[in-house]
Amino acid sequence: MSDNIMKIKSKLIELGLDSDNAVVVSSGILNALNIRESRDIDVVVTEEKYKELSDNRRFVKKQNHGREILDDGLFEIGTSWTVLGKTWKFNDLLNHSTTIDGVRYNTIEFLLNTKRRWIADGEGREKDIDDVKLMEQYLSGSRNN
């Protein structure tokens, strides 16, 4: 397990975030599977956990894609993630998540569908195109093993 994954897990634990109240969304799964490192960690938490973290002075409240998030430079924590034409809350993401070493992530398949949609809709960035290639390579390799 990479140092980066251990660092992320210890920071989640420090904040009281676990698989029962938080899902690391977006490219965090790429980090967990050693596909590529993530610079920041996007997390969807339960409403209760969000209210609790809102009182923590380490976070600055910001707007991101029309929703309020808590930002501390590493984590961007919110109560939802709007992708694939829907706003996904913590409970919605459970069926599209996997737990790796005690940390819950959106599945790689869910992220692949999301990034493919962004690209098809003309919203994909260069890194999204690169990520799709990396995920397709990863998934074709893991099916061959």
Foldseek 3Di string as FASTA:
>chain_A
DDPLVVVVVVVCVVLVHFLVFKAFEACVVCVVVVLDDDQATEMAGAPVSQVVCVPPPLWDWDADPRATFTDNRRYTYYQWDDFPNDTAGSVNQPVQWDADPGHIYGDLVVNLVRLVVCVVVVNHDPVSVVSNVSSVVVVVVVVVD
